Protein backbone atom coordinates (compact mmCIF):
# COMPACT_ATOMS: atom_id res chain seq x y z
CA UNK A 1 0.00 0.00 0.00
CA UNK A 2 1.27 3.46 -0.82
CA UNK A 3 1.58 6.09 1.87
CA UNK A 4 0.46 8.94 -0.37
CA UNK A 5 -2.09 9.80 -3.04
CA UNK A 6 -0.38 12.76 -4.70
CA UNK A 7 3.29 13.31 -5.38
CA UNK A 8 4.82 16.56 -4.11
CA UNK A 9 4.54 18.28 -7.49
CA UNK A 10 0.82 17.45 -7.69
CA UNK A 11 0.28 18.71 -4.15
CA UNK A 12 1.82 22.05 -5.12
CA UNK A 13 -0.41 22.32 -8.18
CA UNK A 14 -3.52 21.45 -6.19
CA UNK A 15 -2.61 23.91 -3.43
CA UNK A 16 -2.02 26.62 -6.05
CA UNK A 17 -5.52 26.02 -7.39
CA UNK A 18 -7.05 26.02 -3.90
CA UNK A 19 -5.22 29.29 -3.15
CA UNK A 20 -6.60 30.85 -6.34
CA UNK A 21 -3.19 31.12 -7.99
CA UNK A 22 -3.97 28.98 -11.03
CA UNK A 23 -7.25 28.49 -12.94
CA UNK A 24 -9.24 25.29 -13.23
CA UNK A 25 -8.14 25.13 -16.86
CA UNK A 26 -4.43 24.86 -15.95
CA UNK A 27 -2.97 22.03 -18.04
CA UNK A 28 -1.26 20.24 -15.13
CA UNK A 29 -4.37 20.54 -12.96
CA UNK A 30 -6.44 19.10 -15.81
CA UNK A 31 -4.21 16.00 -15.83
CA UNK A 32 -4.78 15.56 -12.09
CA UNK A 33 -8.53 16.07 -12.49
CA UNK A 34 -8.61 13.35 -15.13
CA UNK A 35 -6.85 10.93 -12.78
CA UNK A 36 -9.13 11.59 -9.82
CA UNK A 37 -12.20 10.64 -11.83
CA UNK A 38 -11.23 6.99 -11.27
CA UNK A 39 -14.14 5.50 -9.25
CA UNK A 40 -11.92 3.05 -7.35
CA UNK A 41 -9.93 5.98 -5.96
CA UNK A 42 -13.01 7.44 -4.27
CA UNK A 43 -14.00 4.05 -2.87
CA UNK A 44 -10.50 3.53 -1.48
CA UNK A 45 -10.33 7.01 0.08
CA UNK A 46 -13.71 6.48 1.74
CA UNK A 47 -12.59 3.06 2.98
CA UNK A 48 -9.36 4.57 4.34
CA UNK A 49 -11.26 7.16 6.40
CA UNK A 50 -13.73 4.54 7.60
CA UNK A 51 -10.85 2.31 8.70
CA UNK A 52 -9.10 5.18 10.46
CA UNK A 53 -12.27 6.15 12.33
CA UNK A 54 -12.99 2.56 13.35
CA UNK A 55 -9.43 1.97 14.56
CA UNK A 56 -9.52 5.19 16.60
CA UNK A 57 -12.88 4.24 18.12
CA UNK A 58 -11.66 0.74 18.96
CA UNK A 59 -8.43 2.06 20.48
CA UNK A 60 -10.37 4.53 22.63
CA UNK A 61 -12.33 1.62 24.13
CA UNK A 62 -9.19 -0.35 25.01
CA UNK A 63 -7.38 0.07 28.31
CA UNK A 64 -4.08 2.05 27.92
CA UNK A 65 -1.99 -1.05 28.56
CA UNK A 66 -3.51 -2.94 25.62
CA UNK A 67 -3.01 0.10 23.35
CA UNK A 68 0.70 0.05 24.15
CA UNK A 69 0.50 3.31 26.04
CA UNK A 70 1.96 2.02 29.29
């Protein structure tokens, strides 16, 4: 499993768009937009957040010793 979705260059492009520095029609942003249309990507991101939430909830119910906090 990868530990990232976007490479650093893509993050910079996306952040530039979010900050209003480049338009939606930017060529590099268009390439990223094409990639993120992949349906499996959305399913995996949703599953990742669901897993994270469930792990956090389960850990909160465990005594500190079992969580490795002691």
